[in-house]
Each structure stands twice: as C-alpha cells, then as structure tokens.
Amino acid sequence: MKNTLITLEKSIITLIGNDPFGNLLKHPEKRNPLKTALKKRCRILNEMFVPTPQNIQRFIQVNKHLYTLTQKLHLRVKQMENQRTLISNPDFDDDYELEGRLAIPFNGPESVLTLPDDSYYGSHFALMIECLDSAYPEPVLHVHSRQTPLDDGSSWNEGPFQDHPEFKNIIICYAIHEICEHRPYSIPDLLRLNDFWCEVELTAQSITTQDGTRQ
C-alpha cells in the first residue's frame, strides 16, 4: 500500500505541481481530477492507519482542541450578538450578518507536524495537505448566533473511525467529522494539522435605491 500511495502522490504532484493554489487559479479544470486523487489517497492512508497509543493520544489532543475552539466560537458569536446594539447606527444599518468561522489553513510547512511514523506512510504530508487546503478552501464550521450547536454530547464516530474500536469511547466532535468525512483528510492528515484559524465577522449593510430610498 505504501508504494501505491507514493505512486499516487507522484501523479498528484505531476497534476498540480508545487504550487497547488496558484495552479488551480490558472487551471480550474484540474480541481475535480485533484479531488478524485485526494479521495483515493485518503482511503489508502485510512487503511494504513495504525491506532497506536501514541496516535490515539494525539487524536484525543486534536479532538479536544477542535471541540474547545468550536465552543469558544459559539460563545464569541453570542457575545457579539448581545453587544451589537452598542455599535448599531440606524442611519446606516438596514441589515447585518454575523458569522463565526473555523478553518484549517495551510500557511507553510509549520502548518503540518512531523511525526515519528511519517516514514511508515511515505507520504509527502506537507504538500498533500496544501493540496487539500487548495481543493477544499471552505471553512470547516460556519457558526451563527441562533444556531444550535452540533456538538450535543453524542460522538460523531462515523466513517474511518468506525473501523477501530479504540475510538469507541471517545466523543468525537463535529469539526473532526467535517474534516475527515466531508472532505478527504485522512486520520494521519488530521493528526498532523497544526494551524487552526477562528474568526467572527459582523457585516453591517446599507441597502438603497438610486434616489436614496432605503430598502
């Protein structure tokens, strides 16, 4: 399987080069072939994954961090919703949008950890995770003030995690479900993610017609 993975990644590099983001901007037609190859890569890595005590401990650490970030994001959105009247301007504001976002951007090699079992997989993790970020740039979570949190105490133990009993007693957060089930980040990819970005954005909107009438 390692040889299959290495061959597949070579084909991905041939397709996309060493600048995935720039290459997709110039050649958007490559996005679907890239996604297909990344899905194949994900399946191979998940089959290769070994749930050693070290890997399970690192998973618990990532899971805890993403859950904590999710809770903080919900709280910050609610705080800004409650404080919105402090900055409101009725002469301008016709509507507003308030949204929190959690993303896993690739900002350079430091965004991907080097782990002891890297050689076991033989993957070019940094470049492949850059490809994943380029092919799936959307935030992992979108949080709104009136949204019911998707983490309700039940585990999102689906997809690749169901193949390993070691995950059975871990309450897996929704963010991990989104990363490893809705986009092709393998479990080994997840364990190497080292860059997490949260932001909350309030957009005040003024909507008028040509004669200045407000809508």
N, C-alpha and C. Protein backbone atom coordinates (compact mmCIF):
# COMPACT_ATOMS: atom_id res chain seq x y z
N MET A 1 0.82 -1.22 0.00
CA MET A 1 0.00 0.00 0.00
C MET A 1 0.86 1.27 0.00
N LYS A 2 2.00 1.20 0.67
CA LYS A 2 2.89 2.36 0.71
C LYS A 2 3.35 2.73 -0.70
N ASN A 3 3.71 1.73 -1.50
CA ASN A 3 4.14 2.00 -2.88
C ASN A 3 3.01 2.59 -3.71
N THR A 4 1.79 2.09 -3.47
CA THR A 4 0.62 2.62 -4.18
C THR A 4 0.42 4.09 -3.81
N LEU A 5 0.57 4.39 -2.53
CA LEU A 5 0.41 5.76 -2.07
C LEU A 5 1.45 6.68 -2.70
N ILE A 6 2.70 6.24 -2.70
CA ILE A 6 3.78 7.06 -3.25
C ILE A 6 3.55 7.33 -4.73
N THR A 7 3.12 6.29 -5.46
CA THR A 7 2.84 6.45 -6.89
C THR A 7 1.69 7.43 -7.12
N LEU A 8 0.66 7.32 -6.29
CA LEU A 8 -0.49 8.22 -6.42
C LEU A 8 -0.08 9.66 -6.14
N GLU A 9 0.71 9.87 -5.11
CA GLU A 9 1.13 11.23 -4.78
C GLU A 9 2.02 11.82 -5.87
N LYS A 10 2.81 11.00 -6.50
CA LYS A 10 3.62 11.48 -7.62
C LYS A 10 2.71 11.97 -8.75
N SER A 11 1.62 11.25 -8.98
CA SER A 11 0.69 11.67 -10.03
C SER A 11 -0.02 12.97 -9.65
N ILE A 12 -0.27 13.16 -8.34
CA ILE A 12 -0.88 14.40 -7.88
C ILE A 12 0.08 15.57 -8.10
N ILE A 13 1.36 15.35 -7.79
CA ILE A 13 2.36 16.41 -7.97
C ILE A 13 2.53 16.73 -9.46
N THR A 14 2.47 15.70 -10.30
CA THR A 14 2.53 15.93 -11.74
C THR A 14 1.36 16.78 -12.22
N LEU A 15 0.18 16.52 -11.62
CA LEU A 15 -1.03 17.25 -12.00
C LEU A 15 -1.00 18.69 -11.52
N ILE A 16 -0.54 18.91 -10.30
CA ILE A 16 -0.74 20.20 -9.65
C ILE A 16 0.55 20.96 -9.37
N GLY A 17 1.70 20.28 -9.43
CA GLY A 17 2.98 20.94 -9.19
C GLY A 17 3.21 21.26 -7.72
N ASN A 18 4.13 22.18 -7.46
CA ASN A 18 4.47 22.55 -6.09
C ASN A 18 3.75 23.81 -5.61
N ASP A 19 2.81 24.30 -6.41
CA ASP A 19 2.02 25.47 -6.04
C ASP A 19 0.55 25.17 -6.32
N PRO A 20 -0.06 24.34 -5.48
CA PRO A 20 -1.44 23.91 -5.74
C PRO A 20 -2.42 25.07 -5.88
N PHE A 21 -2.34 26.05 -4.99
CA PHE A 21 -3.29 27.16 -5.02
C PHE A 21 -3.17 27.95 -6.31
N GLY A 22 -1.93 28.31 -6.67
CA GLY A 22 -1.72 29.07 -7.90
C GLY A 22 -2.09 28.27 -9.13
N ASN A 23 -1.79 26.99 -9.13
CA ASN A 23 -2.10 26.14 -10.27
C ASN A 23 -3.60 26.02 -10.50
N LEU A 24 -4.35 25.91 -9.39
CA LEU A 24 -5.81 25.82 -9.54
C LEU A 24 -6.41 27.14 -10.01
N LEU A 25 -5.79 28.26 -9.64
CA LEU A 25 -6.28 29.55 -10.14
C LEU A 25 -6.11 29.64 -11.65
N LYS A 26 -4.98 29.15 -12.15
CA LYS A 26 -4.72 29.21 -13.58
C LYS A 26 -5.46 28.11 -14.34
N HIS A 27 -5.64 26.96 -13.69
CA HIS A 27 -6.26 25.80 -14.36
C HIS A 27 -7.37 25.22 -13.48
N PRO A 28 -8.51 25.91 -13.38
CA PRO A 28 -9.61 25.41 -12.52
C PRO A 28 -10.14 24.05 -12.96
N GLU A 29 -9.88 23.67 -14.21
CA GLU A 29 -10.35 22.36 -14.69
C GLU A 29 -9.63 21.21 -13.98
N LYS A 30 -8.54 21.52 -13.30
CA LYS A 30 -7.79 20.48 -12.58
C LYS A 30 -8.38 20.17 -11.20
N ARG A 31 -9.33 20.97 -10.76
CA ARG A 31 -9.86 20.81 -9.40
C ARG A 31 -10.54 19.46 -9.21
N ASN A 32 -11.39 19.05 -10.13
CA ASN A 32 -12.10 17.77 -9.98
C ASN A 32 -11.16 16.57 -10.05
N PRO A 33 -10.22 16.51 -11.02
CA PRO A 33 -9.24 15.41 -11.00
C PRO A 33 -8.42 15.38 -9.72
N LEU A 34 -8.08 16.57 -9.19
CA LEU A 34 -7.32 16.63 -7.94
C LEU A 34 -8.15 16.07 -6.79
N LYS A 35 -9.42 16.45 -6.72
CA LYS A 35 -10.29 15.95 -5.65
C LYS A 35 -10.43 14.43 -5.73
N THR A 36 -10.55 13.90 -6.94
CA THR A 36 -10.67 12.45 -7.11
C THR A 36 -9.42 11.74 -6.60
N ALA A 37 -8.25 12.28 -6.94
CA ALA A 37 -6.99 11.67 -6.49
C ALA A 37 -6.83 11.79 -4.98
N LEU A 38 -7.23 12.92 -4.41
CA LEU A 38 -7.11 13.09 -2.96
C LEU A 38 -8.04 12.14 -2.21
N LYS A 39 -9.18 11.84 -2.77
CA LYS A 39 -10.08 10.87 -2.13
C LYS A 39 -9.47 9.47 -2.13
N LYS A 40 -8.81 9.11 -3.23
CA LYS A 40 -8.12 7.81 -3.28
C LYS A 40 -7.01 7.76 -2.24
N ARG A 41 -6.26 8.85 -2.16
CA ARG A 41 -5.18 8.93 -1.19
C ARG A 41 -5.71 8.78 0.23
N CYS A 42 -6.82 9.42 0.52
CA CYS A 42 -7.43 9.36 1.84
C CYS A 42 -7.79 7.92 2.21
N ARG A 43 -8.37 7.20 1.28
CA ARG A 43 -8.76 5.81 1.55
C ARG A 43 -7.53 4.95 1.86
N ILE A 44 -6.46 5.16 1.10
CA ILE A 44 -5.24 4.37 1.32
C ILE A 44 -4.66 4.66 2.70
N LEU A 45 -4.55 5.93 3.05
CA LEU A 45 -3.98 6.29 4.34
C LEU A 45 -4.83 5.79 5.51
N ASN A 46 -6.14 5.85 5.36
CA ASN A 46 -7.00 5.34 6.43
C ASN A 46 -6.84 3.83 6.60
N GLU A 47 -6.62 3.12 5.51
CA GLU A 47 -6.37 1.68 5.60
C GLU A 47 -5.01 1.40 6.24
N MET A 48 -4.05 2.28 6.01
CA MET A 48 -2.72 2.10 6.57
C MET A 48 -2.64 2.51 8.05
N PHE A 49 -3.57 3.34 8.49
CA PHE A 49 -3.51 3.89 9.84
C PHE A 49 -3.47 2.81 10.91
N VAL A 50 -2.54 2.98 11.85
CA VAL A 50 -2.41 2.05 12.98
C VAL A 50 -2.74 2.83 14.25
N PRO A 51 -3.77 2.41 15.00
CA PRO A 51 -4.18 3.15 16.21
C PRO A 51 -3.30 2.84 17.41
N THR A 52 -2.04 3.21 17.33
CA THR A 52 -1.11 3.01 18.45
C THR A 52 -1.53 3.91 19.61
N PRO A 53 -1.10 3.62 20.82
CA PRO A 53 -1.41 4.50 21.95
C PRO A 53 -0.99 5.95 21.69
N GLN A 54 0.15 6.13 21.02
CA GLN A 54 0.62 7.48 20.72
C GLN A 54 -0.33 8.19 19.75
N ASN A 55 -0.79 7.46 18.73
CA ASN A 55 -1.70 8.07 17.77
C ASN A 55 -3.05 8.38 18.39
N ILE A 56 -3.54 7.50 19.25
CA ILE A 56 -4.82 7.75 19.90
C ILE A 56 -4.71 8.93 20.85
N GLN A 57 -3.59 9.05 21.55
CA GLN A 57 -3.40 10.18 22.44
C GLN A 57 -3.35 11.49 21.66
N ARG A 58 -2.68 11.47 20.52
CA ARG A 58 -2.63 12.68 19.70
C ARG A 58 -4.02 13.00 19.14
N PHE A 59 -4.78 11.99 18.77
CA PHE A 59 -6.14 12.22 18.31
C PHE A 59 -6.97 12.88 19.40
N ILE A 60 -6.85 12.38 20.62
CA ILE A 60 -7.59 12.96 21.74
C ILE A 60 -7.22 14.43 21.91
N GLN A 61 -5.95 14.75 21.73
CA GLN A 61 -5.48 16.13 21.85
C GLN A 61 -6.09 17.02 20.77
N VAL A 62 -6.07 16.56 19.52
CA VAL A 62 -6.64 17.34 18.41
C VAL A 62 -8.15 17.48 18.60
N ASN A 63 -8.81 16.41 18.98
CA ASN A 63 -10.25 16.42 19.18
C ASN A 63 -10.64 17.42 20.28
N LYS A 64 -9.90 17.40 21.37
CA LYS A 64 -10.17 18.33 22.48
C LYS A 64 -9.97 19.77 22.03
N HIS A 65 -8.91 20.02 21.27
CA HIS A 65 -8.63 21.38 20.83
C HIS A 65 -9.73 21.89 19.89
N LEU A 66 -10.15 21.06 18.93
CA LEU A 66 -11.18 21.48 17.99
C LEU A 66 -12.53 21.67 18.69
N TYR A 67 -12.82 20.82 19.65
CA TYR A 67 -14.07 20.99 20.42
C TYR A 67 -14.03 22.30 21.19
N THR A 68 -12.89 22.59 21.83
CA THR A 68 -12.74 23.83 22.60
C THR A 68 -12.88 25.04 21.69
N LEU A 69 -12.24 25.01 20.52
CA LEU A 69 -12.35 26.12 19.58
C LEU A 69 -13.80 26.32 19.13
N THR A 70 -14.51 25.22 18.91
CA THR A 70 -15.92 25.31 18.50
C THR A 70 -16.75 25.98 19.57
N GLN A 71 -16.54 25.59 20.83
CA GLN A 71 -17.30 26.18 21.93
C GLN A 71 -16.98 27.67 22.08
N LYS A 72 -15.70 28.02 21.95
CA LYS A 72 -15.30 29.43 22.05
C LYS A 72 -15.90 30.26 20.91
N LEU A 73 -15.99 29.65 19.74
CA LEU A 73 -16.54 30.36 18.58
C LEU A 73 -18.03 30.64 18.79
N HIS A 74 -18.77 29.64 19.27
CA HIS A 74 -20.20 29.84 19.57
C HIS A 74 -20.37 30.94 20.62
N LEU A 75 -19.54 30.91 21.65
CA LEU A 75 -19.64 31.90 22.72
C LEU A 75 -19.34 33.31 22.21
N ARG A 76 -18.30 33.42 21.39
CA ARG A 76 -17.92 34.74 20.88
C ARG A 76 -19.00 35.31 19.96
N VAL A 77 -19.61 34.47 19.15
CA VAL A 77 -20.69 34.93 18.27
C VAL A 77 -21.86 35.44 19.11
N LYS A 78 -22.21 34.72 20.18
CA LYS A 78 -23.32 35.15 21.05
C LYS A 78 -22.98 36.46 21.75
N GLN A 79 -21.71 36.58 22.17
CA GLN A 79 -21.30 37.83 22.83
C GLN A 79 -21.44 39.02 21.87
N MET A 80 -21.01 38.85 20.64
CA MET A 80 -21.10 39.94 19.67
C MET A 80 -22.55 40.24 19.30
N GLU A 81 -23.39 39.21 19.28
CA GLU A 81 -24.82 39.43 19.03
C GLU A 81 -25.42 40.28 20.14
N ASN A 82 -25.07 39.96 21.39
CA ASN A 82 -25.61 40.71 22.53
C ASN A 82 -25.09 42.14 22.59
N GLN A 83 -23.90 42.38 22.04
CA GLN A 83 -23.30 43.71 22.10
C GLN A 83 -23.50 44.52 20.82
N ARG A 84 -24.21 43.97 19.89
CA ARG A 84 -24.36 44.62 18.58
C ARG A 84 -25.01 45.99 18.71
N THR A 85 -25.93 46.16 19.66
CA THR A 85 -26.61 47.45 19.82
C THR A 85 -25.63 48.57 20.19
N LEU A 86 -24.49 48.23 20.76
CA LEU A 86 -23.52 49.25 21.17
C LEU A 86 -22.89 49.95 19.96
N ILE A 87 -22.87 49.26 18.81
CA ILE A 87 -22.25 49.86 17.62
C ILE A 87 -23.26 50.07 16.50
N SER A 88 -24.52 49.84 16.76
CA SER A 88 -25.52 49.98 15.70
C SER A 88 -25.71 51.45 15.34
N ASN A 89 -26.06 51.69 14.09
CA ASN A 89 -26.30 53.05 13.58
C ASN A 89 -27.55 53.01 12.71
N PRO A 90 -28.69 53.46 13.22
CA PRO A 90 -29.93 53.37 12.46
C PRO A 90 -29.92 54.19 11.17
N ASP A 91 -29.02 55.18 11.07
CA ASP A 91 -28.93 55.96 9.84
C ASP A 91 -28.24 55.19 8.72
N PHE A 92 -27.59 54.09 9.08
CA PHE A 92 -26.86 53.29 8.07
C PHE A 92 -27.40 51.86 8.00
N ASP A 93 -27.61 51.25 9.13
CA ASP A 93 -27.89 49.81 9.18
C ASP A 93 -29.30 49.48 8.70
N ASP A 94 -29.37 48.72 7.63
CA ASP A 94 -30.64 48.14 7.18
C ASP A 94 -30.70 46.66 7.55
N ASP A 95 -29.56 46.04 7.57
CA ASP A 95 -29.48 44.62 7.92
C ASP A 95 -28.05 44.33 8.34
N TYR A 96 -27.83 43.18 8.85
CA TYR A 96 -26.48 42.79 9.24
C TYR A 96 -26.34 41.27 9.15
N GLU A 97 -25.11 40.85 9.06
CA GLU A 97 -24.78 39.43 9.09
C GLU A 97 -23.68 39.21 10.12
N LEU A 98 -23.86 38.21 10.95
CA LEU A 98 -22.88 37.86 11.97
C LEU A 98 -22.55 36.38 11.83
N GLU A 99 -21.30 36.10 11.59
CA GLU A 99 -20.91 34.70 11.37
C GLU A 99 -19.53 34.42 11.95
N GLY A 100 -19.40 33.27 12.60
CA GLY A 100 -18.12 32.78 13.06
C GLY A 100 -17.66 31.66 12.15
N ARG A 101 -16.35 31.56 11.96
CA ARG A 101 -15.81 30.55 11.06
C ARG A 101 -14.58 29.89 11.68
N LEU A 102 -14.48 28.59 11.48
CA LEU A 102 -13.31 27.82 11.90
C LEU A 102 -12.70 27.19 10.66
N ALA A 103 -11.41 27.44 10.43
CA ALA A 103 -10.74 26.94 9.23
C ALA A 103 -9.43 26.24 9.63
N ILE A 104 -8.92 25.44 8.70
CA ILE A 104 -7.64 24.75 8.91
C ILE A 104 -6.73 25.10 7.73
N PRO A 105 -6.23 26.32 7.69
CA PRO A 105 -5.46 26.78 6.53
C PRO A 105 -4.05 26.19 6.50
N PHE A 106 -3.51 26.14 5.29
CA PHE A 106 -2.10 25.80 5.13
C PHE A 106 -1.35 27.11 4.92
N ASN A 107 -0.48 27.45 5.86
CA ASN A 107 0.27 28.70 5.79
C ASN A 107 1.76 28.49 5.67
N GLY A 108 2.15 27.26 5.31
CA GLY A 108 3.57 26.94 5.20
C GLY A 108 3.87 25.63 5.91
N PRO A 109 5.11 25.17 5.83
CA PRO A 109 5.49 23.89 6.43
C PRO A 109 5.16 23.79 7.91
N GLU A 110 5.16 24.92 8.62
CA GLU A 110 4.86 24.89 10.05
C GLU A 110 3.41 24.53 10.33
N SER A 111 2.57 24.54 9.30
CA SER A 111 1.17 24.15 9.47
C SER A 111 0.98 22.65 9.58
N VAL A 112 2.05 21.89 9.33
CA VAL A 112 1.98 20.42 9.33
C VAL A 112 3.08 19.86 10.23
N LEU A 113 2.69 19.07 11.22
CA LEU A 113 3.66 18.48 12.13
C LEU A 113 4.42 17.33 11.48
N THR A 114 5.66 17.15 11.88
CA THR A 114 6.44 15.97 11.52
C THR A 114 6.34 14.99 12.67
N LEU A 115 5.87 13.78 12.41
CA LEU A 115 5.66 12.79 13.47
C LEU A 115 6.55 11.57 13.25
N PRO A 116 6.78 10.77 14.31
CA PRO A 116 7.70 9.63 14.22
C PRO A 116 7.33 8.59 13.17
N ASP A 117 6.03 8.46 12.85
CA ASP A 117 5.64 7.42 11.88
C ASP A 117 5.49 7.96 10.46
N ASP A 118 6.05 9.12 10.17
CA ASP A 118 5.99 9.67 8.80
C ASP A 118 6.58 8.69 7.79
N SER A 119 7.70 8.09 8.13
CA SER A 119 8.38 7.18 7.18
C SER A 119 7.56 5.92 6.92
N TYR A 120 6.76 5.51 7.89
CA TYR A 120 5.90 4.34 7.70
C TYR A 120 4.92 4.57 6.55
N TYR A 121 4.35 5.78 6.48
CA TYR A 121 3.39 6.09 5.42
C TYR A 121 4.09 6.43 4.11
N GLY A 122 5.17 7.18 4.18
CA GLY A 122 5.86 7.59 2.96
C GLY A 122 5.16 8.72 2.23
N SER A 123 4.25 9.40 2.92
CA SER A 123 3.50 10.49 2.29
C SER A 123 4.27 11.80 2.37
N HIS A 124 4.08 12.62 1.36
CA HIS A 124 4.59 13.99 1.38
C HIS A 124 3.50 14.83 2.04
N PHE A 125 3.40 14.70 3.38
CA PHE A 125 2.24 15.25 4.08
C PHE A 125 2.07 16.75 3.87
N ALA A 126 3.15 17.51 3.96
CA ALA A 126 3.02 18.97 3.85
C ALA A 126 2.42 19.38 2.51
N LEU A 127 2.95 18.85 1.43
CA LEU A 127 2.44 19.23 0.11
C LEU A 127 1.03 18.71 -0.11
N MET A 128 0.74 17.50 0.37
CA MET A 128 -0.60 16.95 0.19
C MET A 128 -1.64 17.73 0.99
N ILE A 129 -1.28 18.16 2.19
CA ILE A 129 -2.22 18.96 2.98
C ILE A 129 -2.39 20.34 2.35
N GLU A 130 -1.36 20.85 1.71
CA GLU A 130 -1.50 22.09 0.95
C GLU A 130 -2.46 21.87 -0.22
N CYS A 131 -2.38 20.72 -0.86
CA CYS A 131 -3.32 20.39 -1.94
C CYS A 131 -4.75 20.31 -1.41
N LEU A 132 -4.92 19.71 -0.24
CA LEU A 132 -6.24 19.59 0.37
C LEU A 132 -6.82 20.97 0.68
N ASP A 133 -5.98 21.85 1.22
CA ASP A 133 -6.44 23.20 1.54
C ASP A 133 -6.82 23.96 0.26
N SER A 134 -6.08 23.74 -0.81
CA SER A 134 -6.36 24.42 -2.08
C SER A 134 -7.64 23.88 -2.73
N ALA A 135 -7.86 22.57 -2.62
CA ALA A 135 -9.03 21.96 -3.25
C ALA A 135 -10.30 22.15 -2.42
N TYR A 136 -10.13 22.28 -1.10
CA TYR A 136 -11.28 22.44 -0.17
C TYR A 136 -11.02 23.64 0.74
N PRO A 137 -11.08 24.86 0.19
CA PRO A 137 -10.72 26.05 0.97
C PRO A 137 -11.82 26.54 1.92
N GLU A 138 -13.00 25.93 1.86
CA GLU A 138 -14.10 26.42 2.68
C GLU A 138 -13.83 26.18 4.17
N PRO A 139 -14.33 27.07 5.05
CA PRO A 139 -14.17 26.85 6.49
C PRO A 139 -14.79 25.52 6.92
N VAL A 140 -14.24 24.96 7.95
CA VAL A 140 -14.77 23.70 8.50
C VAL A 140 -16.12 23.93 9.14
N LEU A 141 -16.27 25.07 9.82
CA LEU A 141 -17.52 25.40 10.50
C LEU A 141 -17.97 26.82 10.17
N HIS A 142 -19.28 26.99 10.06
CA HIS A 142 -19.91 28.31 9.99
C HIS A 142 -20.86 28.38 11.19
N VAL A 143 -20.68 29.37 12.04
CA VAL A 143 -21.47 29.48 13.26
C VAL A 143 -22.28 30.76 13.24
N HIS A 144 -23.60 30.64 13.54
CA HIS A 144 -24.49 31.80 13.60
C HIS A 144 -25.10 31.88 15.00
N SER A 145 -25.56 33.06 15.36
CA SER A 145 -25.98 33.32 16.73
C SER A 145 -27.16 32.45 17.17
N ARG A 146 -28.05 32.13 16.27
CA ARG A 146 -29.24 31.36 16.64
C ARG A 146 -29.11 29.88 16.29
N GLN A 147 -27.92 29.48 15.95
CA GLN A 147 -27.67 28.10 15.53
C GLN A 147 -27.54 27.19 16.74
N THR A 148 -28.16 26.01 16.67
CA THR A 148 -27.99 25.01 17.71
C THR A 148 -26.67 24.29 17.50
N PRO A 149 -25.80 24.25 18.51
CA PRO A 149 -24.50 23.58 18.34
C PRO A 149 -24.66 22.13 17.92
N LEU A 150 -23.80 21.69 17.01
CA LEU A 150 -23.86 20.32 16.52
C LEU A 150 -23.18 19.34 17.48
N ASP A 151 -22.41 19.86 18.42
CA ASP A 151 -21.83 19.02 19.47
C ASP A 151 -22.80 19.00 20.65
N ASP A 152 -23.53 17.89 20.78
CA ASP A 152 -24.56 17.80 21.82
C ASP A 152 -24.27 16.71 22.84
N GLY A 153 -23.02 16.25 22.89
CA GLY A 153 -22.67 15.19 23.83
C GLY A 153 -22.59 13.82 23.21
N SER A 154 -23.12 13.68 21.98
CA SER A 154 -23.02 12.42 21.26
C SER A 154 -21.78 12.44 20.37
N SER A 155 -21.20 11.27 20.15
CA SER A 155 -19.98 11.21 19.35
C SER A 155 -20.29 11.13 17.86
N TRP A 156 -19.50 11.87 17.07
CA TRP A 156 -19.59 11.79 15.61
C TRP A 156 -18.65 10.67 15.14
N ASN A 157 -18.85 9.51 15.71
CA ASN A 157 -17.99 8.35 15.39
C ASN A 157 -18.52 7.68 14.13
N GLU A 158 -18.09 8.22 12.99
CA GLU A 158 -18.55 7.70 11.70
C GLU A 158 -17.36 7.52 10.78
N GLY A 159 -17.62 7.01 9.59
CA GLY A 159 -16.57 6.89 8.58
C GLY A 159 -15.38 6.08 9.04
N PRO A 160 -14.17 6.61 8.88
CA PRO A 160 -12.95 5.83 9.16
C PRO A 160 -12.78 5.44 10.62
N PHE A 161 -13.42 6.17 11.53
CA PHE A 161 -13.24 5.89 12.95
C PHE A 161 -13.97 4.62 13.38
N GLN A 162 -15.02 4.26 12.65
CA GLN A 162 -15.77 3.06 13.00
C GLN A 162 -14.98 1.78 12.78
N ASP A 163 -13.90 1.87 12.01
CA ASP A 163 -13.09 0.69 11.74
C ASP A 163 -12.16 0.34 12.91
N HIS A 164 -12.10 1.20 13.91
CA HIS A 164 -11.15 0.99 15.02
C HIS A 164 -11.87 1.11 16.35
N PRO A 165 -11.91 0.04 17.14
CA PRO A 165 -12.58 0.08 18.44
C PRO A 165 -11.94 1.07 19.41
N GLU A 166 -10.70 1.48 19.15
CA GLU A 166 -10.01 2.43 20.03
C GLU A 166 -10.73 3.78 20.09
N PHE A 167 -11.56 4.08 19.08
CA PHE A 167 -12.27 5.36 19.05
C PHE A 167 -13.65 5.27 19.70
N LYS A 168 -14.04 4.08 20.10
CA LYS A 168 -15.42 3.85 20.54
C LYS A 168 -15.82 4.71 21.73
N ASN A 169 -14.91 4.88 22.67
CA ASN A 169 -15.25 5.61 23.90
C ASN A 169 -14.82 7.07 23.88
N ILE A 170 -14.45 7.56 22.71
CA ILE A 170 -14.08 8.96 22.56
C ILE A 170 -15.25 9.72 21.95
N ILE A 171 -15.64 10.83 22.57
CA ILE A 171 -16.70 11.66 21.99
C ILE A 171 -16.06 12.55 20.93
N ILE A 172 -16.21 12.14 19.68
CA ILE A 172 -15.59 12.84 18.55
C ILE A 172 -16.43 14.06 18.20
N CYS A 173 -15.78 15.22 18.11
CA CYS A 173 -16.52 16.46 17.85
C CYS A 173 -16.89 16.59 16.37
N TYR A 174 -17.85 17.48 16.13
CA TYR A 174 -18.36 17.64 14.76
C TYR A 174 -17.28 18.15 13.82
N ALA A 175 -16.39 19.02 14.29
CA ALA A 175 -15.36 19.57 13.41
C ALA A 175 -14.51 18.46 12.80
N ILE A 176 -14.18 17.45 13.60
CA ILE A 176 -13.41 16.32 13.07
C ILE A 176 -14.24 15.53 12.06
N HIS A 177 -15.51 15.38 12.34
CA HIS A 177 -16.41 14.71 11.38
C HIS A 177 -16.40 15.46 10.05
N GLU A 178 -16.45 16.77 10.10
CA GLU A 178 -16.43 17.57 8.88
C GLU A 178 -15.12 17.40 8.14
N ILE A 179 -14.01 17.40 8.86
CA ILE A 179 -12.68 17.31 8.24
C ILE A 179 -12.46 15.95 7.59
N CYS A 180 -12.82 14.88 8.30
CA CYS A 180 -12.48 13.52 7.85
C CYS A 180 -13.60 12.79 7.13
N GLU A 181 -14.80 13.37 7.13
CA GLU A 181 -15.92 12.70 6.47
C GLU A 181 -16.44 13.50 5.28
N HIS A 182 -16.47 14.81 5.39
CA HIS A 182 -17.00 15.66 4.32
C HIS A 182 -15.92 16.18 3.39
N ARG A 183 -14.68 15.95 3.73
CA ARG A 183 -13.55 16.27 2.86
C ARG A 183 -12.46 15.23 3.12
N PRO A 184 -11.62 14.95 2.14
CA PRO A 184 -10.75 13.77 2.22
C PRO A 184 -9.44 13.96 2.99
N TYR A 185 -9.55 14.45 4.21
CA TYR A 185 -8.40 14.42 5.12
C TYR A 185 -8.42 13.06 5.81
N SER A 186 -7.34 12.31 5.69
CA SER A 186 -7.26 11.02 6.37
C SER A 186 -6.98 11.24 7.85
N ILE A 187 -7.10 10.17 8.63
CA ILE A 187 -6.75 10.27 10.05
C ILE A 187 -5.29 10.69 10.23
N PRO A 188 -4.33 10.11 9.49
CA PRO A 188 -2.94 10.59 9.61
C PRO A 188 -2.79 12.07 9.26
N ASP A 189 -3.55 12.57 8.28
CA ASP A 189 -3.51 14.01 7.97
C ASP A 189 -4.00 14.82 9.17
N LEU A 190 -5.12 14.40 9.74
CA LEU A 190 -5.71 15.10 10.87
C LEU A 190 -4.72 15.25 12.01
N LEU A 191 -4.00 14.18 12.31
CA LEU A 191 -3.07 14.19 13.44
C LEU A 191 -1.90 15.14 13.22
N ARG A 192 -1.68 15.55 11.98
CA ARG A 192 -0.55 16.43 11.66
C ARG A 192 -0.96 17.89 11.47
N LEU A 193 -2.24 18.19 11.54
CA LEU A 193 -2.70 19.57 11.38
C LEU A 193 -2.21 20.41 12.56
N ASN A 194 -1.64 21.56 12.25
CA ASN A 194 -1.04 22.39 13.31
C ASN A 194 -1.36 23.86 13.12
N ASP A 195 -2.43 24.14 12.35
CA ASP A 195 -2.80 25.54 12.10
C ASP A 195 -4.32 25.64 12.11
N PHE A 196 -4.87 26.33 13.10
CA PHE A 196 -6.32 26.46 13.24
C PHE A 196 -6.67 27.93 13.32
N TRP A 197 -7.66 28.33 12.56
CA TRP A 197 -8.00 29.75 12.43
C TRP A 197 -9.47 29.96 12.75
N CYS A 198 -9.73 30.82 13.73
CA CYS A 198 -11.10 31.19 14.07
C CYS A 198 -11.28 32.68 13.85
N GLU A 199 -12.45 33.06 13.35
CA GLU A 199 -12.76 34.47 13.19
C GLU A 199 -14.26 34.67 13.32
N VAL A 200 -14.63 35.86 13.77
CA VAL A 200 -16.04 36.25 13.83
C VAL A 200 -16.17 37.56 13.08
N GLU A 201 -17.11 37.61 12.15
CA GLU A 201 -17.26 38.79 11.30
C GLU A 201 -18.67 39.34 11.40
N LEU A 202 -18.75 40.64 11.68
CA LEU A 202 -20.02 41.35 11.69
C LEU A 202 -20.05 42.29 10.49
N THR A 203 -21.03 42.12 9.63
CA THR A 203 -21.17 42.96 8.44
C THR A 203 -22.44 43.78 8.55
N ALA A 204 -22.28 45.10 8.62
CA ALA A 204 -23.44 46.00 8.62
C ALA A 204 -23.75 46.37 7.17
N GLN A 205 -25.03 46.32 6.80
CA GLN A 205 -25.42 46.52 5.40
C GLN A 205 -26.37 47.71 5.26
N SER A 206 -26.07 48.55 4.28
CA SER A 206 -26.95 49.66 3.93
C SER A 206 -27.44 49.41 2.50
N ILE A 207 -28.76 49.35 2.31
CA ILE A 207 -29.33 48.95 1.03
C ILE A 207 -30.27 50.06 0.54
N THR A 208 -29.91 50.70 -0.57
CA THR A 208 -30.70 51.83 -1.06
C THR A 208 -30.94 51.72 -2.56
N THR A 209 -31.94 52.48 -3.02
CA THR A 209 -32.17 52.63 -4.46
C THR A 209 -31.43 53.87 -4.93
N GLN A 210 -31.52 54.18 -6.22
CA GLN A 210 -30.77 55.30 -6.80
C GLN A 210 -31.14 56.65 -6.18
N ASP A 211 -32.40 56.80 -5.82
CA ASP A 211 -32.82 58.09 -5.24
C ASP A 211 -32.59 58.15 -3.73
N GLY A 212 -31.91 57.17 -3.20
CA GLY A 212 -31.56 57.17 -1.78
C GLY A 212 -32.57 56.50 -0.88
N THR A 213 -33.68 56.00 -1.46
CA THR A 213 -34.67 55.31 -0.65
C THR A 213 -34.07 54.04 -0.08
N ARG A 214 -34.30 53.82 1.22
CA ARG A 214 -33.77 52.62 1.86
C ARG A 214 -34.73 51.45 1.68
N GLN A 215 -34.15 50.32 1.48
CA GLN A 215 -34.98 49.13 1.22
C GLN A 215 -35.09 48.28 2.48
